[in-house]
């Protein structure tokens, strides 16, 4: 019985912590405009760098790396990272990726 109680408690903590870290993208916490600061085109892909102020986050810096995955270059992947230098001196970092 004690092991069952521990398992249930651990499961609830895991479920609650996962839900607490979820981001509701339908209700953004800040808006802003990022300017493109650099574009670097290479034979394997393209890097695009952005930066600018975003409300509630301070200055945001982001990098996207675009890379094709097929010979005719009509499909590809996007990877990158965004960093926010918060107004209170803290920092938030988030990776991103997609196709």
PDB file of N, CA and C in Angstrom:
ATOM      1  N   UNK A   1       0.825  -1.199   0.000  1.00  0.00           N
ATOM      2  CA  UNK A   1       0.000   0.000   0.000  1.00  0.00           C
ATOM      3  C   UNK A   1       0.864   1.256   0.000  1.00  0.00           C
ATOM      4  N   UNK A   2       1.970   1.227   0.745  1.00  0.00           N
ATOM      5  CA  UNK A   2       2.863   2.375   0.829  1.00  0.00           C
ATOM      6  C   UNK A   2       3.484   2.679  -0.538  1.00  0.00           C
ATOM      7  N   UNK A   3       3.855   1.612  -1.289  1.00  0.00           N
ATOM      8  CA  UNK A   3       4.419   1.813  -2.625  1.00  0.00           C
ATOM      9  C   UNK A   3       3.387   2.400  -3.579  1.00  0.00           C
ATOM     10  N   UNK A   4       2.144   1.966  -3.461  1.00  0.00           N
ATOM     11  CA  UNK A   4       1.077   2.499  -4.299  1.00  0.00           C
ATOM     12  C   UNK A   4       0.876   3.984  -4.030  1.00  0.00           C
ATOM     13  N   UNK A   5       0.877   4.371  -2.776  1.00  0.00           N
ATOM     14  CA  UNK A   5       0.720   5.780  -2.405  1.00  0.00           C
ATOM     15  C   UNK A   5       1.871   6.619  -2.957  1.00  0.00           C
ATOM     16  N   UNK A   6       3.091   6.100  -2.867  1.00  0.00           N
ATOM     17  CA  UNK A   6       4.251   6.816  -3.405  1.00  0.00           C
ATOM     18  C   UNK A   6       4.155   6.959  -4.922  1.00  0.00           C
ATOM     19  N   UNK A   7       3.715   5.901  -5.598  1.00  0.00           N
ATOM     20  CA  UNK A   7       3.583   5.935  -7.052  1.00  0.00           C
ATOM     21  C   UNK A   7       2.532   6.945  -7.485  1.00  0.00           C
ATOM     22  N   UNK A   8       1.387   6.940  -6.824  1.00  0.00           N
ATOM     23  CA  UNK A   8       0.319   7.890  -7.150  1.00  0.00           C
ATOM     24  C   UNK A   8       0.778   9.321  -6.885  1.00  0.00           C
ATOM     25  N   UNK A   9       1.445   9.553  -5.773  1.00  0.00           N
ATOM     26  CA  UNK A   9       1.937  10.893  -5.445  1.00  0.00           C
ATOM     27  C   UNK A   9       2.946  11.368  -6.476  1.00  0.00           C
ATOM     28  N   UNK A  10       3.883  10.502  -6.849  1.00  0.00           N
ATOM     29  CA  UNK A  10       4.886  10.869  -7.856  1.00  0.00           C
ATOM     30  C   UNK A  10       4.228  11.158  -9.198  1.00  0.00           C
ATOM     31  N   UNK A  11       3.222  10.368  -9.569  1.00  0.00           N
ATOM     32  CA  UNK A  11       2.509  10.588 -10.828  1.00  0.00           C
ATOM     33  C   UNK A  11       1.791  11.927 -10.834  1.00  0.00           C
ATOM     34  N   UNK A  12       1.134  12.268  -9.736  1.00  0.00           N
ATOM     35  CA  UNK A  12       0.435  13.551  -9.650  1.00  0.00           C
ATOM     36  C   UNK A  12       1.402  14.727  -9.733  1.00  0.00           C
ATOM     37  N   UNK A  13       2.544  14.608  -9.075  1.00  0.00           N
ATOM     38  CA  UNK A  13       3.543  15.684  -9.140  1.00  0.00           C
ATOM     39  C   UNK A  13       4.029  15.856 -10.571  1.00  0.00           C
ATOM     40  N   UNK A  14       4.303  14.755 -11.269  1.00  0.00           N
ATOM     41  CA  UNK A  14       4.766  14.819 -12.649  1.00  0.00           C
ATOM     42  C   UNK A  14       3.717  15.442 -13.557  1.00  0.00           C
ATOM     43  N   UNK A  15       2.472  15.023 -13.417  1.00  0.00           N
ATOM     44  CA  UNK A  15       1.398  15.567 -14.251  1.00  0.00           C
ATOM     45  C   UNK A  15       1.210  17.052 -13.988  1.00  0.00           C
ATOM     46  N   UNK A  16       1.184  17.453 -12.742  1.00  0.00           N
ATOM     47  CA  UNK A  16       0.989  18.869 -12.402  1.00  0.00           C
ATOM     48  C   UNK A  16       2.157  19.724 -12.861  1.00  0.00           C
ATOM     49  N   UNK A  17       3.390  19.231 -12.733  1.00  0.00           N
ATOM     50  CA  UNK A  17       4.538  20.034 -13.160  1.00  0.00           C
ATOM     51  C   UNK A  17       4.571  20.172 -14.669  1.00  0.00           C
ATOM     52  N   UNK A  18       4.172  19.139 -15.407  1.00  0.00           N
ATOM     53  CA  UNK A  18       4.119  19.231 -16.863  1.00  0.00           C
ATOM     54  C   UNK A  18       3.064  20.237 -17.288  1.00  0.00           C
ATOM     55  N   UNK A  19       1.897  20.214 -16.670  1.00  0.00           N
ATOM     56  CA  UNK A  19       0.838  21.160 -17.013  1.00  0.00           C
ATOM     57  C   UNK A  19       1.228  22.582 -16.649  1.00  0.00           C
ATOM     58  N   UNK A  20       1.951  22.763 -15.576  1.00  0.00           N
ATOM     59  CA  UNK A  20       2.360  24.104 -15.152  1.00  0.00           C
ATOM     60  C   UNK A  20       3.355  24.718 -16.122  1.00  0.00           C
ATOM     61  N   UNK A  21       4.134  23.896 -16.819  1.00  0.00           N
ATOM     62  CA  UNK A  21       5.118  24.398 -17.766  1.00  0.00           C
ATOM     63  C   UNK A  21       4.560  24.582 -19.167  1.00  0.00           C
ATOM     64  N   UNK A  22       3.314  24.237 -19.398  1.00  0.00           N
ATOM     65  CA  UNK A  22       2.712  24.389 -20.715  1.00  0.00           C
ATOM     66  C   UNK A  22       2.519  25.865 -21.037  1.00  0.00           C
ATOM     67  N   UNK A  23       2.662  26.193 -22.313  1.00  0.00           N
ATOM     68  CA  UNK A  23       2.511  27.574 -22.761  1.00  0.00           C
ATOM     69  C   UNK A  23       1.252  27.669 -23.603  1.00  0.00           C
ATOM     70  N   UNK A  24       0.364  28.570 -23.247  1.00  0.00           N
ATOM     71  CA  UNK A  24      -0.858  28.802 -24.006  1.00  0.00           C
ATOM     72  C   UNK A  24      -0.564  29.860 -25.062  1.00  0.00           C
ATOM     73  N   UNK A  25      -0.333  29.432 -26.306  1.00  0.00           N
ATOM     74  CA  UNK A  25       0.050  30.354 -27.375  1.00  0.00           C
ATOM     75  C   UNK A  25      -1.118  31.209 -27.868  1.00  0.00           C
ATOM     76  N   UNK A  26      -2.352  30.904 -27.428  1.00  0.00           N
ATOM     77  CA  UNK A  26      -3.484  31.726 -27.840  1.00  0.00           C
ATOM     78  C   UNK A  26      -3.568  33.011 -27.034  1.00  0.00           C
ATOM     79  N   UNK A  27      -2.815  33.075 -25.936  1.00  0.00           N
ATOM     80  CA  UNK A  27      -2.810  34.264 -25.083  1.00  0.00           C
ATOM     81  C   UNK A  27      -1.362  34.699 -24.834  1.00  0.00           C
ATOM     82  N   UNK A  28      -0.741  35.377 -25.808  1.00  0.00           N
ATOM     83  CA  UNK A  28       0.665  35.764 -25.626  1.00  0.00           C
ATOM     84  C   UNK A  28       0.837  36.719 -24.452  1.00  0.00           C
ATOM     85  N   UNK A  29       1.976  36.618 -23.786  1.00  0.00           N
ATOM     86  CA  UNK A  29       2.262  37.479 -22.640  1.00  0.00           C
ATOM     87  C   UNK A  29       3.003  38.740 -23.035  1.00  0.00           C
ATOM     88  N   UNK A  30       3.360  38.871 -24.297  1.00  0.00           N
ATOM     89  CA  UNK A  30       4.043  40.074 -24.755  1.00  0.00           C
ATOM     90  C   UNK A  30       4.110  40.095 -26.268  1.00  0.00           C
ATOM     91  N   UNK A  31       4.117  41.295 -26.820  1.00  0.00           N
ATOM     92  CA  UNK A  31       4.259  41.441 -28.261  1.00  0.00           C
ATOM     93  C   UNK A  31       5.418  42.377 -28.546  1.00  0.00           C
ATOM     94  N   UNK A  32       5.933  42.293 -29.736  1.00  0.00           N
ATOM     95  CA  UNK A  32       7.036  43.152 -30.134  1.00  0.00           C
ATOM     96  C   UNK A  32       7.408  42.888 -31.579  1.00  0.00           C
ATOM     97  N   UNK A  33       8.388  43.628 -32.051  1.00  0.00           N
ATOM     98  CA  UNK A  33       8.877  43.453 -33.414  1.00  0.00           C
ATOM     99  C   UNK A  33      10.372  43.202 -33.358  1.00  0.00           C
ATOM    100  N   UNK A  34      10.795  42.112 -33.996  1.00  0.00           N
ATOM    101  CA  UNK A  34      12.208  41.796 -34.070  1.00  0.00           C
ATOM    102  C   UNK A  34      12.726  42.210 -35.443  1.00  0.00           C
ATOM    103  N   UNK A  35      13.897  42.809 -35.466  1.00  0.00           N
ATOM    104  CA  UNK A  35      14.534  43.207 -36.720  1.00  0.00           C
ATOM    105  C   UNK A  35      15.552  42.140 -37.115  1.00  0.00           C
ATOM    106  N   UNK A  36      15.658  41.884 -38.406  1.00  0.00           N
ATOM    107  CA  UNK A  36      16.694  40.981 -38.904  1.00  0.00           C
ATOM    108  C   UNK A  36      18.022  41.711 -38.811  1.00  0.00           C
ATOM    109  N   UNK A  37      18.981  41.120 -38.109  1.00  0.00           N
ATOM    110  CA  UNK A  37      20.288  41.758 -37.935  1.00  0.00           C
ATOM    111  C   UNK A  37      21.372  41.118 -38.782  1.00  0.00           C
ATOM    112  N   UNK A  38      21.129  39.895 -39.266  1.00  0.00           N
ATOM    113  CA  UNK A  38      22.134  39.230 -40.087  1.00  0.00           C
ATOM    114  C   UNK A  38      21.495  38.080 -40.850  1.00  0.00           C
ATOM    115  N   UNK A  39      21.912  37.903 -42.099  1.00  0.00           N
ATOM    116  CA  UNK A  39      21.544  36.735 -42.894  1.00  0.00           C
ATOM    117  C   UNK A  39      22.838  36.170 -43.456  1.00  0.00           C
ATOM    118  N   UNK A  40      23.069  34.893 -43.216  1.00  0.00           N
ATOM    119  CA  UNK A  40      24.275  34.233 -43.701  1.00  0.00           C
ATOM    120  C   UNK A  40      23.858  33.019 -44.518  1.00  0.00           C
ATOM    121  N   UNK A  41      24.126  33.068 -45.821  1.00  0.00           N
ATOM    122  CA  UNK A  41      23.721  32.001 -46.725  1.00  0.00           C
ATOM    123  C   UNK A  41      24.926  31.112 -47.005  1.00  0.00           C
ATOM    124  N   UNK A  42      24.785  29.825 -46.733  1.00  0.00           N
ATOM    125  CA  UNK A  42      25.858  28.872 -46.970  1.00  0.00           C
ATOM    126  C   UNK A  42      25.387  27.753 -47.881  1.00  0.00           C
ATOM    127  N   UNK A  43      26.302  26.881 -48.246  1.00  0.00           N
ATOM    128  CA  UNK A  43      25.948  25.779 -49.143  1.00  0.00           C
ATOM    129  C   UNK A  43      25.049  24.744 -48.457  1.00  0.00           C
ATOM    130  N   UNK A  44      25.116  24.653 -47.133  1.00  0.00           N
ATOM    131  CA  UNK A  44      24.306  23.676 -46.400  1.00  0.00           C
ATOM    132  C   UNK A  44      23.023  24.247 -45.815  1.00  0.00           C
ATOM    133  N   UNK A  45      22.935  25.575 -45.694  1.00  0.00           N
ATOM    134  CA  UNK A  45      21.752  26.180 -45.096  1.00  0.00           C
ATOM    135  C   UNK A  45      21.911  27.672 -44.923  1.00  0.00           C
ATOM    136  N   UNK A  46      20.919  28.286 -44.295  1.00  0.00           N
ATOM    137  CA  UNK A  46      20.902  29.734 -44.101  1.00  0.00           C
ATOM    138  C   UNK A  46      20.640  30.050 -42.635  1.00  0.00           C
ATOM    139  N   UNK A  47      21.439  30.952 -42.073  1.00  0.00           N
ATOM    140  CA  UNK A  47      21.235  31.463 -40.715  1.00  0.00           C
ATOM    141  C   UNK A  47      20.593  32.834 -40.796  1.00  0.00           C
ATOM    142  N   UNK A  48      19.582  33.069 -39.981  1.00  0.00           N
ATOM    143  CA  UNK A  48      18.947  34.384 -39.886  1.00  0.00           C
ATOM    144  C   UNK A  48      18.920  34.768 -38.414  1.00  0.00           C
ATOM    145  N   UNK A  49      19.481  35.935 -38.094  1.00  0.00           N
ATOM    146  CA  UNK A  49      19.516  36.438 -36.718  1.00  0.00           C
ATOM    147  C   UNK A  49      18.550  37.604 -36.572  1.00  0.00           C
ATOM    148  N   UNK A  50      17.865  37.668 -35.427  1.00  0.00           N
ATOM    149  CA  UNK A  50      16.882  38.704 -35.128  1.00  0.00           C
ATOM    150  C   UNK A  50      17.158  39.274 -33.743  1.00  0.00           C
ATOM    151  N   UNK A  51      16.727  40.507 -33.511  1.00  0.00           N
ATOM    152  CA  UNK A  51      16.718  41.045 -32.152  1.00  0.00           C
ATOM    153  C   UNK A  51      15.740  42.204 -32.068  1.00  0.00           C
ATOM    154  N   UNK A  52      15.250  42.450 -30.855  1.00  0.00           N
ATOM    155  CA  UNK A  52      14.347  43.564 -30.637  1.00  0.00           C
ATOM    156  C   UNK A  52      13.638  43.467 -29.305  1.00  0.00           C
ATOM    157  N   UNK A  53      12.963  44.549 -28.926  1.00  0.00           N
ATOM    158  CA  UNK A  53      12.248  44.567 -27.646  1.00  0.00           C
ATOM    159  C   UNK A  53      10.898  43.857 -27.740  1.00  0.00           C
ATOM    160  N   UNK A  54      10.574  43.104 -26.698  1.00  0.00           N
ATOM    161  CA  UNK A  54       9.277  42.439 -26.593  1.00  0.00           C
ATOM    162  C   UNK A  54       8.736  42.747 -25.202  1.00  0.00           C
ATOM    163  N   UNK A  55       7.495  43.266 -25.144  1.00  0.00           N
ATOM    164  CA  UNK A  55       6.944  43.648 -23.845  1.00  0.00           C
ATOM    165  C   UNK A  55       6.925  42.455 -22.901  1.00  0.00           C
ATOM    166  N   UNK A  56       7.194  42.723 -21.654  1.00  0.00           N
ATOM    167  CA  UNK A  56       7.275  41.736 -20.574  1.00  0.00           C
ATOM    168  C   UNK A  56       8.505  40.838 -20.644  1.00  0.00           C
ATOM    169  N   UNK A  57       9.341  40.985 -21.671  1.00  0.00           N
ATOM    170  CA  UNK A  57      10.533  40.153 -21.793  1.00  0.00           C
ATOM    171  C   UNK A  57      11.822  40.953 -21.933  1.00  0.00           C
ATOM    172  N   UNK A  58      11.757  42.203 -22.290  1.00  0.00           N
ATOM    173  CA  UNK A  58      12.974  42.977 -22.523  1.00  0.00           C
ATOM    174  C   UNK A  58      13.481  42.751 -23.930  1.00  0.00           C
ATOM    175  N   UNK A  59      14.795  42.680 -24.090  1.00  0.00           N
ATOM    176  CA  UNK A  59      15.391  42.493 -25.411  1.00  0.00           C
ATOM    177  C   UNK A  59      15.489  41.006 -25.730  1.00  0.00           C
ATOM    178  N   UNK A  60      14.998  40.638 -26.914  1.00  0.00           N
ATOM    179  CA  UNK A  60      14.999  39.246 -27.350  1.00  0.00           C
ATOM    180  C   UNK A  60      15.971  39.093 -28.514  1.00  0.00           C
ATOM    181  N   UNK A  61      16.771  38.041 -28.460  1.00  0.00           N
ATOM    182  CA  UNK A  61      17.694  37.683 -29.532  1.00  0.00           C
ATOM    183  C   UNK A  61      17.301  36.295 -30.019  1.00  0.00           C
ATOM    184  N   UNK A  62      17.203  36.112 -31.332  1.00  0.00           N
ATOM    185  CA  UNK A  62      16.801  34.815 -31.870  1.00  0.00           C
ATOM    186  C   UNK A  62      17.638  34.478 -33.094  1.00  0.00           C
ATOM    187  N   UNK A  63      17.842  33.197 -33.305  1.00  0.00           N
ATOM    188  CA  UNK A  63      18.543  32.697 -34.478  1.00  0.00           C
ATOM    189  C   UNK A  63      17.728  31.561 -35.074  1.00  0.00           C
ATOM    190  N   UNK A  64      17.536  31.599 -36.394  1.00  0.00           N
ATOM    191  CA  UNK A  64      16.904  30.503 -37.122  1.00  0.00           C
ATOM    192  C   UNK A  64      17.937  29.933 -38.083  1.00  0.00           C
ATOM    193  N   UNK A  65      17.995  28.619 -38.180  1.00  0.00           N
ATOM    194  CA  UNK A  65      18.841  27.961 -39.168  1.00  0.00           C
ATOM    195  C   UNK A  65      17.925  27.158 -40.072  1.00  0.00           C
ATOM    196  N   UNK A  66      17.916  27.483 -41.352  1.00  0.00           N
ATOM    197  CA  UNK A  66      17.074  26.819 -42.343  1.00  0.00           C
ATOM    198  C   UNK A  66      17.948  25.879 -43.165  1.00  0.00           C
ATOM    199  N   UNK A  67      17.510  24.633 -43.313  1.00  0.00           N
ATOM    200  CA  UNK A  67      18.299  23.662 -44.061  1.00  0.00           C
ATOM    201  C   UNK A  67      17.366  22.795 -44.891  1.00  0.00           C
ATOM    202  N   UNK A  68      17.685  22.613 -46.182  1.00  0.00           N
ATOM    203  CA  UNK A  68      16.850  21.771 -47.030  1.00  0.00           C
ATOM    204  C   UNK A  68      17.129  20.304 -46.735  1.00  0.00           C
ATOM    205  N   UNK A  69      16.125  19.483 -46.980  1.00  0.00           N
ATOM    206  CA  UNK A  69      16.270  18.051 -46.721  1.00  0.00           C
ATOM    207  C   UNK A  69      16.100  17.220 -47.983  1.00  0.00           C
ATOM    208  N   UNK A  70      15.914  17.876 -49.115  1.00  0.00           N
ATOM    209  CA  UNK A  70      15.775  17.138 -50.361  1.00  0.00           C
ATOM    210  C   UNK A  70      16.600  17.815 -51.459  1.00  0.00           C
ATOM    211  N   UNK A  71      16.816  17.107 -52.537  1.00  0.00           N
ATOM    212  CA  UNK A  71      17.668  17.589 -53.616  1.00  0.00           C
ATOM    213  C   UNK A  71      17.160  18.827 -54.326  1.00  0.00           C
ATOM    214  N   UNK A  72      15.844  18.972 -54.460  1.00  0.00           N
ATOM    215  CA  UNK A  72      15.324  20.146 -55.177  1.00  0.00           C
ATOM    216  C   UNK A  72      15.060  21.339 -54.256  1.00  0.00           C
ATOM    217  N   UNK A  73      15.396  21.198 -52.966  1.00  0.00           N
ATOM    218  CA  UNK A  73      15.322  22.288 -51.982  1.00  0.00           C
ATOM    219  C   UNK A  73      13.916  22.891 -51.828  1.00  0.00           C
ATOM    220  N   UNK A  74      12.914  22.023 -51.889  1.00  0.00           N
ATOM    221  CA  UNK A  74      11.541  22.490 -51.688  1.00  0.00           C
ATOM    222  C   UNK A  74      11.024  22.177 -50.288  1.00  0.00           C
ATOM    223  N   UNK A  75      11.767  21.368 -49.534  1.00  0.00           N
ATOM    224  CA  UNK A  75      11.382  21.032 -48.169  1.00  0.00           C
ATOM    225  C   UNK A  75      12.603  21.178 -47.278  1.00  0.00           C
ATOM    226  N   UNK A  76      12.349  21.435 -45.992  1.00  0.00           N
ATOM    227  CA  UNK A  76      13.491  21.577 -45.105  1.00  0.00           C
ATOM    228  C   UNK A  76      13.113  21.626 -43.645  1.00  0.00           C
ATOM    229  N   UNK A  77      14.108  21.932 -42.827  1.00  0.00           N
ATOM    230  CA  UNK A  77      13.918  22.024 -41.389  1.00  0.00           C
ATOM    231  C   UNK A  77      14.325  23.402 -40.896  1.00  0.00           C
ATOM    232  N   UNK A  78      13.773  23.769 -39.762  1.00  0.00           N
ATOM    233  CA  UNK A  78      14.132  25.006 -39.083  1.00  0.00           C
ATOM    234  C   UNK A  78      14.540  24.636 -37.668  1.00  0.00           C
ATOM    235  N   UNK A  79      15.712  25.079 -37.261  1.00  0.00           N
ATOM    236  CA  UNK A  79      16.139  24.927 -35.878  1.00  0.00           C
ATOM    237  C   UNK A  79      16.648  26.273 -35.401  1.00  0.00           C
ATOM    238  N   UNK A  80      16.683  26.460 -34.120  1.00  0.00           N
ATOM    239  CA  UNK A  80      17.190  27.726 -33.611  1.00  0.00           C
ATOM    240  C   UNK A  80      16.989  27.859 -32.127  1.00  0.00           C
ATOM    241  N   UNK A  81      17.181  29.085 -31.680  1.00  0.00           N
ATOM    242  CA  UNK A  81      17.081  29.380 -30.260  1.00  0.00           C
ATOM    243  C   UNK A  81      16.705  30.842 -30.093  1.00  0.00           C
ATOM    244  N   UNK A  82      15.954  31.117 -29.050  1.00  0.00           N
ATOM    245  CA  UNK A  82      15.635  32.502 -28.689  1.00  0.00           C
ATOM    246  C   UNK A  82      16.066  32.728 -27.247  1.00  0.00           C
ATOM    247  N   UNK A  83      16.624  33.902 -26.991  1.00  0.00           N
ATOM    248  CA  UNK A  83      17.042  34.284 -25.633  1.00  0.00           C
ATOM    249  C   UNK A  83      16.456  35.640 -25.325  1.00  0.00           C
ATOM    250  N   UNK A  84      15.917  35.766 -24.146  1.00  0.00           N
ATOM    251  CA  UNK A  84      15.357  37.048 -23.703  1.00  0.00           C
ATOM    252  C   UNK A  84      16.147  37.533 -22.505  1.00  0.00           C
ATOM    253  N   UNK A  85      16.661  38.743 -22.609  1.00  0.00           N
ATOM    254  CA  UNK A  85      17.307  39.397 -21.478  1.00  0.00           C
ATOM    255  C   UNK A  85      16.209  40.174 -20.768  1.00  0.00           C
ATOM    256  N   UNK A  86      15.714  39.644 -19.676  1.00  0.00           N
ATOM    257  CA  UNK A  86      14.564  40.210 -18.980  1.00  0.00           C
ATOM    258  C   UNK A  86      14.894  41.550 -18.341  1.00  0.00           C
ATOM    259  N   UNK A  87      13.863  42.355 -18.167  1.00  0.00           N
ATOM    260  CA  UNK A  87      14.037  43.678 -17.566  1.00  0.00           C
ATOM    261  C   UNK A  87      14.575  43.606 -16.138  1.00  0.00           C
ATOM    262  N   UNK A  88      14.345  42.475 -15.444  1.00  0.00           N
ATOM    263  CA  UNK A  88      14.837  42.338 -14.066  1.00  0.00           C
ATOM    264  C   UNK A  88      16.255  41.767 -14.001  1.00  0.00           C
ATOM    265  N   UNK A  89      16.896  41.583 -15.157  1.00  0.00           N
ATOM    266  CA  UNK A  89      18.262  41.081 -15.199  1.00  0.00           C
ATOM    267  C   UNK A  89      18.373  39.587 -15.441  1.00  0.00           C
ATOM    268  N   UNK A  90      17.268  38.879 -15.389  1.00  0.00           N
ATOM    269  CA  UNK A  90      17.284  37.437 -15.641  1.00  0.00           C
ATOM    270  C   UNK A  90      17.335  37.135 -17.129  1.00  0.00           C
ATOM    271  N   UNK A  91      17.385  35.854 -17.454  1.00  0.00           N
ATOM    272  CA  UNK A  91      17.421  35.443 -18.849  1.00  0.00           C
ATOM    273  C   UNK A  91      16.557  34.205 -19.043  1.00  0.00           C
ATOM    274  N   UNK A  92      15.864  34.149 -20.181  1.00  0.00           N
ATOM    275  CA  UNK A  92      15.062  32.996 -20.565  1.00  0.00           C
ATOM    276  C   UNK A  92      15.608  32.504 -21.896  1.00  0.00           C
ATOM    277  N   UNK A  93      15.789  31.186 -22.024  1.00  0.00           N
ATOM    278  CA  UNK A  93      16.301  30.589 -23.256  1.00  0.00           C
ATOM    279  C   UNK A  93      15.334  29.504 -23.695  1.00  0.00           C
ATOM    280  N   UNK A  94      15.024  29.465 -24.994  1.00  0.00           N
ATOM    281  CA  UNK A  94      14.154  28.421 -25.503  1.00  0.00           C
ATOM    282  C   UNK A  94      14.622  27.959 -26.879  1.00  0.00           C
ATOM    283  N   UNK A  95      14.805  26.657 -27.055  1.00  0.00           N
ATOM    284  CA  UNK A  95      15.116  26.142 -28.391  1.00  0.00           C
ATOM    285  C   UNK A  95      13.830  26.036 -29.202  1.00  0.00           C
ATOM    286  N   UNK A  96      13.946  26.009 -30.514  1.00  0.00           N
ATOM    287  CA  UNK A  96      12.777  25.786 -31.355  1.00  0.00           C
ATOM    288  C   UNK A  96      13.199  25.008 -32.599  1.00  0.00           C
ATOM    289  N   UNK A  97      12.241  24.264 -33.149  1.00  0.00           N
ATOM    290  CA  UNK A  97      12.509  23.483 -34.346  1.00  0.00           C
ATOM    291  C   UNK A  97      11.196  23.157 -35.037  1.00  0.00           C
ATOM    292  N   UNK A  98      11.288  22.885 -36.314  1.00  0.00           N
ATOM    293  CA  UNK A  98      10.103  22.555 -37.081  1.00  0.00           C
ATOM    294  C   UNK A  98      10.469  22.140 -38.491  1.00  0.00           C
ATOM    295  N   UNK A  99       9.438  21.823 -39.265  1.00  0.00           N
ATOM    296  CA  UNK A  99       9.648  21.439 -40.662  1.00  0.00           C
ATOM    297  C   UNK A  99       8.800  22.294 -41.560  1.00  0.00           C
TER     298      UNK A  99
END
